[in-house]
PDB file of N, CA and C in Angstrom:
ATOM      1  N   MET A   1      14.808  -2.041 -15.437  1.00  0.00           N
ATOM      2  CA  MET A   1      14.233  -1.449 -14.210  1.00  0.00           C
ATOM      3  C   MET A   1      12.820  -1.034 -14.392  1.00  0.00           C
ATOM      4  N   LEU A   2      12.061  -1.237 -13.333  1.00  0.00           N
ATOM      5  CA  LEU A   2      10.671  -0.948 -13.443  1.00  0.00           C
ATOM      6  C   LEU A   2      10.405   0.526 -13.303  1.00  0.00           C
ATOM      7  N   SER A   3       9.362   1.048 -13.948  1.00  0.00           N
ATOM      8  CA  SER A   3       9.023   2.461 -13.826  1.00  0.00           C
ATOM      9  C   SER A   3       8.028   2.551 -12.784  1.00  0.00           C
ATOM     10  N   THR A   4       8.075   3.693 -12.106  1.00  0.00           N
ATOM     11  CA  THR A   4       7.141   3.850 -10.919  1.00  0.00           C
ATOM     12  C   THR A   4       5.909   4.610 -11.453  1.00  0.00           C
ATOM     13  N   ASN A   5       4.884   4.284 -10.794  1.00  0.00           N
ATOM     14  CA  ASN A   5       3.621   4.970 -11.062  1.00  0.00           C
ATOM     15  C   ASN A   5       3.457   6.127 -10.174  1.00  0.00           C
ATOM     16  N   ASN A   6       3.391   7.375 -10.577  1.00  0.00           N
ATOM     17  CA  ASN A   6       3.360   8.548  -9.749  1.00  0.00           C
ATOM     18  C   ASN A   6       2.067   8.575  -8.818  1.00  0.00           C
ATOM     19  N   ARG A   7       1.064   7.784  -9.279  1.00  0.00           N
ATOM     20  CA  ARG A   7      -0.206   7.858  -8.441  1.00  0.00           C
ATOM     21  C   ARG A   7       0.121   7.286  -7.044  1.00  0.00           C
ATOM     22  N   TRP A   8       0.937   6.343  -6.990  1.00  0.00           N
ATOM     23  CA  TRP A   8       1.278   5.765  -5.668  1.00  0.00           C
ATOM     24  C   TRP A   8       2.370   6.455  -4.921  1.00  0.00           C
ATOM     25  N   ARG A   9       3.271   7.204  -5.675  1.00  0.00           N
ATOM     26  CA  ARG A   9       4.448   7.802  -5.136  1.00  0.00           C
ATOM     27  C   ARG A   9       4.039   8.979  -4.204  1.00  0.00           C
ATOM     28  N   SER A  10       4.485   8.996  -3.024  1.00  0.00           N
ATOM     29  CA  SER A  10       4.075   9.806  -1.940  1.00  0.00           C
ATOM     30  C   SER A  10       5.218  10.019  -0.976  1.00  0.00           C
ATOM     31  N   THR A  11       5.505  11.245  -0.519  1.00  0.00           N
ATOM     32  CA  THR A  11       6.387  11.414   0.601  1.00  0.00           C
ATOM     33  C   THR A  11       5.712  11.535   1.849  1.00  0.00           C
ATOM     34  N   MET A  12       4.401  11.448   1.812  1.00  0.00           N
ATOM     35  CA  MET A  12       3.609  11.590   3.143  1.00  0.00           C
ATOM     36  C   MET A  12       3.664  10.203   3.788  1.00  0.00           C
ATOM     37  N   PRO A  13       3.698  10.330   5.244  1.00  0.00           N
ATOM     38  CA  PRO A  13       3.580   9.072   5.884  1.00  0.00           C
ATOM     39  C   PRO A  13       2.246   8.396   5.746  1.00  0.00           C
ATOM     40  N   SER A  14       2.193   7.121   6.138  1.00  0.00           N
ATOM     41  CA  SER A  14       0.914   6.360   6.010  1.00  0.00           C
ATOM     42  C   SER A  14      -0.076   6.885   7.005  1.00  0.00           C
ATOM     43  N   LYS A  15      -1.346   6.655   6.728  1.00  0.00           N
ATOM     44  CA  LYS A  15      -2.469   7.016   7.539  1.00  0.00           C
ATOM     45  C   LYS A  15      -2.159   6.754   9.020  1.00  0.00           C
ATOM     46  N   ALA A  16      -1.801   5.585   9.352  1.00  0.00           N
ATOM     47  CA  ALA A  16      -1.479   5.099  10.665  1.00  0.00           C
ATOM     48  C   ALA A  16      -0.386   5.982  11.401  1.00  0.00           C
ATOM     49  N   ALA A  17       0.545   6.366  10.583  1.00  0.00           N
ATOM     50  CA  ALA A  17       1.574   7.233  11.049  1.00  0.00           C
ATOM     51  C   ALA A  17       1.185   8.626  11.329  1.00  0.00           C
ATOM     52  N   ARG A  18       0.125   9.066  10.551  1.00  0.00           N
ATOM     53  CA  ARG A  18      -0.423  10.480  10.661  1.00  0.00           C
ATOM     54  C   ARG A  18      -1.414  10.581  11.842  1.00  0.00           C
ATOM     55  N   THR A  19      -1.915   9.443  12.363  1.00  0.00           N
ATOM     56  CA  THR A  19      -2.886   9.413  13.318  1.00  0.00           C
ATOM     57  C   THR A  19      -2.378   8.787  14.599  1.00  0.00           C
ATOM     58  N   SER A  20      -3.134   8.652  15.584  1.00  0.00           N
ATOM     59  CA  SER A  20      -2.729   7.982  16.813  1.00  0.00           C
ATOM     60  C   SER A  20      -3.025   6.573  16.702  1.00  0.00           C
ATOM     61  N   GLU A  21      -3.557   6.100  15.559  1.00  0.00           N
ATOM     62  CA  GLU A  21      -3.830   4.696  15.396  1.00  0.00           C
ATOM     63  C   GLU A  21      -2.648   3.670  15.515  1.00  0.00           C
ATOM     64  N   THR A  22      -2.653   2.748  16.362  1.00  0.00           N
ATOM     65  CA  THR A  22      -1.569   1.850  16.497  1.00  0.00           C
ATOM     66  C   THR A  22      -1.732   0.702  15.486  1.00  0.00           C
ATOM     67  N   ARG A  23      -0.561   0.269  14.932  1.00  0.00           N
ATOM     68  CA  ARG A  23      -0.679  -0.938  14.003  1.00  0.00           C
ATOM     69  C   ARG A  23      -0.740  -2.233  14.879  1.00  0.00           C
ATOM     70  N   THR A  24      -1.753  -2.808  15.028  1.00  0.00           N
ATOM     71  CA  THR A  24      -1.872  -4.047  15.869  1.00  0.00           C
ATOM     72  C   THR A  24      -2.419  -5.206  15.209  1.00  0.00           C
ATOM     73  N   ALA A  25      -2.726  -5.026  13.877  1.00  0.00           N
ATOM     74  CA  ALA A  25      -3.431  -6.124  13.121  1.00  0.00           C
ATOM     75  C   ALA A  25      -2.456  -6.729  12.051  1.00  0.00           C
ATOM     76  N   PRO A  26      -1.674  -7.597  12.419  1.00  0.00           N
ATOM     77  CA  PRO A  26      -0.733  -8.179  11.463  1.00  0.00           C
ATOM     78  C   PRO A  26      -1.466  -9.021  10.424  1.00  0.00           C
ATOM     79  N   VAL A  27      -1.059  -8.984   9.108  1.00  0.00           N
ATOM     80  CA  VAL A  27      -1.653  -9.825   8.082  1.00  0.00           C
ATOM     81  C   VAL A  27      -0.497 -10.515   7.307  1.00  0.00           C
ATOM     82  N   GLY A  28      -0.635 -11.887   7.141  1.00  0.00           N
ATOM     83  CA  GLY A  28       0.379 -12.545   6.370  1.00  0.00           C
ATOM     84  C   GLY A  28      -0.082 -12.614   4.983  1.00  0.00           C
ATOM     85  N   LEU A  29       0.787 -12.313   3.969  1.00  0.00           N
ATOM     86  CA  LEU A  29       0.372 -12.354   2.637  1.00  0.00           C
ATOM     87  C   LEU A  29       1.441 -13.183   1.893  1.00  0.00           C
ATOM     88  N   ARG A  30       1.004 -13.705   0.758  1.00  0.00           N
ATOM     89  CA  ARG A  30       1.905 -14.496  -0.127  1.00  0.00           C
ATOM     90  C   ARG A  30       1.759 -13.807  -1.517  1.00  0.00           C
ATOM     91  N   PHE A  31       2.906 -13.674  -2.220  1.00  0.00           N
ATOM     92  CA  PHE A  31       2.974 -13.083  -3.449  1.00  0.00           C
ATOM     93  C   PHE A  31       3.767 -13.983  -4.338  1.00  0.00           C
ATOM     94  N   THR A  32       3.548 -13.913  -5.658  1.00  0.00           N
ATOM     95  CA  THR A  32       4.421 -14.515  -6.537  1.00  0.00           C
ATOM     96  C   THR A  32       5.813 -13.883  -6.487  1.00  0.00           C
ATOM     97  N   PRO A  33       6.829 -14.572  -6.841  1.00  0.00           N
ATOM     98  CA  PRO A  33       8.187 -13.889  -6.797  1.00  0.00           C
ATOM     99  C   PRO A  33       8.264 -12.767  -7.634  1.00  0.00           C
ATOM    100  N   SER A  34       7.623 -12.784  -8.907  1.00  0.00           N
ATOM    101  CA  SER A  34       7.711 -11.601  -9.724  1.00  0.00           C
ATOM    102  C   SER A  34       6.954 -10.444  -9.235  1.00  0.00           C
ATOM    103  N   LEU A  35       5.843 -10.645  -8.560  1.00  0.00           N
ATOM    104  CA  LEU A  35       5.137  -9.464  -7.917  1.00  0.00           C
ATOM    105  C   LEU A  35       5.957  -8.981  -6.718  1.00  0.00           C
ATOM    106  N   LYS A  36       6.438  -9.789  -5.876  1.00  0.00           N
ATOM    107  CA  LYS A  36       7.228  -9.392  -4.812  1.00  0.00           C
ATOM    108  C   LYS A  36       8.346  -8.453  -5.271  1.00  0.00           C
ATOM    109  N   GLU A  37       9.036  -8.848  -6.289  1.00  0.00           N
ATOM    110  CA  GLU A  37      10.262  -8.204  -6.873  1.00  0.00           C
ATOM    111  C   GLU A  37       9.849  -6.860  -7.422  1.00  0.00           C
ATOM    112  N   ALA A  38       8.634  -6.804  -8.168  1.00  0.00           N
ATOM    113  CA  ALA A  38       8.053  -5.591  -8.523  1.00  0.00           C
ATOM    114  C   ALA A  38       7.710  -4.583  -7.471  1.00  0.00           C
ATOM    115  N   LEU A  39       7.113  -5.148  -6.374  1.00  0.00           N
ATOM    116  CA  LEU A  39       6.775  -4.326  -5.090  1.00  0.00           C
ATOM    117  C   LEU A  39       8.071  -3.880  -4.404  1.00  0.00           C
ATOM    118  N   VAL A  40       9.114  -4.570  -4.273  1.00  0.00           N
ATOM    119  CA  VAL A  40      10.398  -4.225  -3.788  1.00  0.00           C
ATOM    120  C   VAL A  40      11.037  -3.099  -4.501  1.00  0.00           C
ATOM    121  N   GLU A  41      11.065  -3.189  -5.777  1.00  0.00           N
ATOM    122  CA  GLU A  41      11.573  -2.102  -6.613  1.00  0.00           C
ATOM    123  C   GLU A  41      10.798  -0.797  -6.526  1.00  0.00           C
ATOM    124  N   LEU A  42       9.446  -0.886  -6.486  1.00  0.00           N
ATOM    125  CA  LEU A  42       8.597   0.290  -6.368  1.00  0.00           C
ATOM    126  C   LEU A  42       8.765   0.875  -4.970  1.00  0.00           C
ATOM    127  N   ALA A  43       8.938   0.076  -4.036  1.00  0.00           N
ATOM    128  CA  ALA A  43       9.166   0.534  -2.455  1.00  0.00           C
ATOM    129  C   ALA A  43      10.501   1.160  -2.531  1.00  0.00           C
ATOM    130  N   LYS A  44      11.505   0.666  -2.991  1.00  0.00           N
ATOM    131  CA  LYS A  44      12.843   1.368  -3.049  1.00  0.00           C
ATOM    132  C   LYS A  44      12.807   2.616  -3.705  1.00  0.00           C
ATOM    133  N   ALA A  45      12.115   2.740  -4.940  1.00  0.00           N
ATOM    134  CA  ALA A  45      12.089   4.071  -5.707  1.00  0.00           C
ATOM    135  C   ALA A  45      11.346   4.968  -4.803  1.00  0.00           C
ATOM    136  N   ASP A  46      10.470   4.681  -3.942  1.00  0.00           N
ATOM    137  CA  ASP A  46       9.716   5.537  -3.021  1.00  0.00           C
ATOM    138  C   ASP A  46      10.325   5.704  -1.690  1.00  0.00           C
ATOM    139  N   ARG A  47      11.487   5.142  -1.569  1.00  0.00           N
ATOM    140  CA  ARG A  47      12.268   5.229  -0.254  1.00  0.00           C
ATOM    141  C   ARG A  47      11.347   4.707   0.868  1.00  0.00           C
ATOM    142  N   ARG A  48      10.753   3.601   0.714  1.00  0.00           N
ATOM    143  CA  ARG A  48       9.932   3.010   1.717  1.00  0.00           C
ATOM    144  C   ARG A  48      10.349   1.505   1.905  1.00  0.00           C
ATOM    145  N   THR A  49       9.865   0.969   3.062  1.00  0.00           N
ATOM    146  CA  THR A  49      10.153  -0.439   3.271  1.00  0.00           C
ATOM    147  C   THR A  49       8.998  -1.123   2.467  1.00  0.00           C
ATOM    148  N   LEU A  50       9.249  -2.370   2.251  1.00  0.00           N
ATOM    149  CA  LEU A  50       8.036  -3.114   1.436  1.00  0.00           C
ATOM    150  C   LEU A  50       6.815  -3.073   2.149  1.00  0.00           C
ATOM    151  N   ALA A  51       6.836  -3.275   3.563  1.00  0.00           N
ATOM    152  CA  ALA A  51       5.486  -3.283   4.330  1.00  0.00           C
ATOM    153  C   ALA A  51       4.937  -1.922   4.243  1.00  0.00           C
ATOM    154  N   SER A  52       5.686  -0.958   4.388  1.00  0.00           N
ATOM    155  CA  SER A  52       5.176   0.505   4.275  1.00  0.00           C
ATOM    156  C   SER A  52       4.530   0.805   2.899  1.00  0.00           C
ATOM    157  N   TYR A  53       5.290   0.306   1.915  1.00  0.00           N
ATOM    158  CA  TYR A  53       4.703   0.621   0.613  1.00  0.00           C
ATOM    159  C   TYR A  53       3.468  -0.114   0.366  1.00  0.00           C
ATOM    160  N   ILE A  54       3.342  -1.383   0.705  1.00  0.00           N
ATOM    161  CA  ILE A  54       2.132  -2.114   0.534  1.00  0.00           C
ATOM    162  C   ILE A  54       0.943  -1.503   1.251  1.00  0.00           C
ATOM    163  N   GLU A  55       1.336  -1.068   2.585  1.00  0.00           N
ATOM    164  CA  GLU A  55       0.333  -0.390   3.385  1.00  0.00           C
ATOM    165  C   GLU A  55      -0.182   0.920   2.617  1.00  0.00           C
ATOM    166  N   LEU A  56       0.692   1.678   2.016  1.00  0.00           N
ATOM    167  CA  LEU A  56       0.287   2.883   1.408  1.00  0.00           C
ATOM    168  C   LEU A  56      -0.670   2.591   0.152  1.00  0.00           C
ATOM    169  N   VAL A  57      -0.172   1.529  -0.609  1.00  0.00           N
ATOM    170  CA  VAL A  57      -0.987   1.136  -1.795  1.00  0.00           C
ATOM    171  C   VAL A  57      -2.330   0.700  -1.338  1.00  0.00           C
ATOM    172  N   LEU A  58      -2.498   0.019  -0.301  1.00  0.00           N
ATOM    173  CA  LEU A  58      -3.799  -0.435   0.066  1.00  0.00           C
ATOM    174  C   LEU A  58      -4.611   0.582   0.706  1.00  0.00           C
ATOM    175  N   GLU A  59      -4.084   1.554   1.500  1.00  0.00           N
ATOM    176  CA  GLU A  59      -4.802   2.589   2.054  1.00  0.00           C
ATOM    177  C   GLU A  59      -5.246   3.623   0.874  1.00  0.00           C
ATOM    178  N   THR A  60      -4.412   3.778  -0.086  1.00  0.00           N
ATOM    179  CA  THR A  60      -4.850   4.581  -1.310  1.00  0.00           C
ATOM    180  C   THR A  60      -6.057   3.962  -2.074  1.00  0.00           C
ATOM    181  N   HIS A  61      -5.948   2.720  -2.253  1.00  0.00           N
ATOM    182  CA  HIS A  61      -7.115   1.959  -2.966  1.00  0.00           C
ATOM    183  C   HIS A  61      -8.300   2.047  -2.186  1.00  0.00           C
ATOM    184  N   VAL A  62      -8.258   1.746  -0.853  1.00  0.00           N
ATOM    185  CA  VAL A  62      -9.430   1.851  -0.098  1.00  0.00           C
ATOM    186  C   VAL A  62     -10.100   3.272  -0.082  1.00  0.00           C
ATOM    187  N   GLU A  63      -9.185   4.326   0.072  1.00  0.00           N
ATOM    188  CA  GLU A  63      -9.697   5.621   0.166  1.00  0.00           C
ATOM    189  C   GLU A  63     -10.271   5.959  -1.291  1.00  0.00           C
ATOM    190  N   ALA A  64      -9.804   5.578  -2.354  1.00  0.00           N
ATOM    191  CA  ALA A  64     -10.379   5.805  -3.638  1.00  0.00           C
ATOM    192  C   ALA A  64     -11.577   5.196  -3.805  1.00  0.00           C
ATOM    193  N   ARG A  65     -11.756   3.976  -3.329  1.00  0.00           N
ATOM    194  CA  ARG A  65     -13.109   3.283  -3.414  1.00  0.00           C
ATOM    195  C   ARG A  65     -14.078   3.962  -2.590  1.00  0.00           C
ATOM    196  N   ARG A  66     -13.633   4.509  -1.449  1.00  0.00           N
ATOM    197  CA  ARG A  66     -14.682   5.214  -0.536  1.00  0.00           C
ATOM    198  C   ARG A  66     -15.116   6.465  -1.222  1.00  0.00           C
ATOM    199  N   HIS A  67     -14.256   7.130  -1.937  1.00  0.00           N
ATOM    200  CA  HIS A  67     -14.608   8.427  -2.538  1.00  0.00           C
ATOM    201  C   HIS A  67     -15.591   8.123  -3.807  1.00  0.00           C
ATOM    202  N   GLU A  68     -15.542   6.868  -4.339  1.00  0.00           N
ATOM    203  CA  GLU A  68     -16.292   6.595  -5.487  1.00  0.00           C
ATOM    204  C   GLU A  68     -17.705   6.197  -4.899  1.00  0.00           C
ATOM    205  N   GLY A  69     -17.830   6.114  -3.579  1.00  0.00           N
ATOM    206  CA  GLY A  69     -19.048   5.613  -3.024  1.00  0.00           C
ATOM    207  C   GLY A  69     -19.240   4.050  -3.005  1.00  0.00           C
ATOM    208  N   LYS A  70     -18.111   3.377  -3.330  1.00  0.00           N
ATOM    209  CA  LYS A  70     -18.255   1.954  -3.220  1.00  0.00           C
ATOM    210  C   LYS A  70     -17.585   1.464  -2.031  1.00  0.00           C
ATOM    211  N   LYS A  71     -18.140   0.501  -1.457  1.00  0.00           N
ATOM    212  CA  LYS A  71     -17.565  -0.222  -0.316  1.00  0.00           C
ATOM    213  C   LYS A  71     -16.570  -1.360  -0.830  1.00  0.00           C
ATOM    214  N   PRO A  72     -15.468  -1.580  -0.163  1.00  0.00           N
ATOM    215  CA  PRO A  72     -14.711  -2.830  -0.477  1.00  0.00           C
ATOM    216  C   PRO A  72     -15.506  -3.994  -0.446  1.00  0.00           C
ATOM    217  N   LYS A  73     -15.397  -4.855  -1.497  1.00  0.00           N
ATOM    218  CA  LYS A  73     -16.067  -6.093  -1.618  1.00  0.00           C
ATOM    219  C   LYS A  73     -15.589  -7.093  -0.354  1.00  0.00           C
ATOM    220  N   THR A  74     -16.490  -7.832   0.158  1.00  0.00           N
ATOM    221  CA  THR A  74     -16.068  -8.700   1.229  1.00  0.00           C
ATOM    222  C   THR A  74     -16.427 -10.105   0.685  1.00  0.00           C
ATOM    223  N   ARG A  75     -15.597 -11.057   1.057  1.00  0.00           N
ATOM    224  CA  ARG A  75     -15.950 -12.452   0.527  1.00  0.00           C
ATOM    225  C   ARG A  75     -16.938 -13.099   1.542  1.00  0.00           C
ATOM    226  N   SER A  76     -17.802 -13.885   1.016  1.00  0.00           N
ATOM    227  CA  SER A  76     -18.833 -14.576   1.805  1.00  0.00           C
ATOM    228  C   SER A  76     -18.269 -15.871   2.254  1.00  0.00           C
TER     229      SER A  76
END
């Protein structure tokens, strides 16, 4: 069984759920089977759907980078 990282564990709703912001920007992603399996296990441990968990992880990462004063890198 995979161990959970408490840094990502949260009972709070995602940023979009806490605001009036509507989720209207779908993004298709491809993962290796092993990464997907790990994400599914972590999402289950956090009582979230896979999509909700991925959204939380990405929001947490973006906010952390903003607090560091760094902007997310964009590809040219």
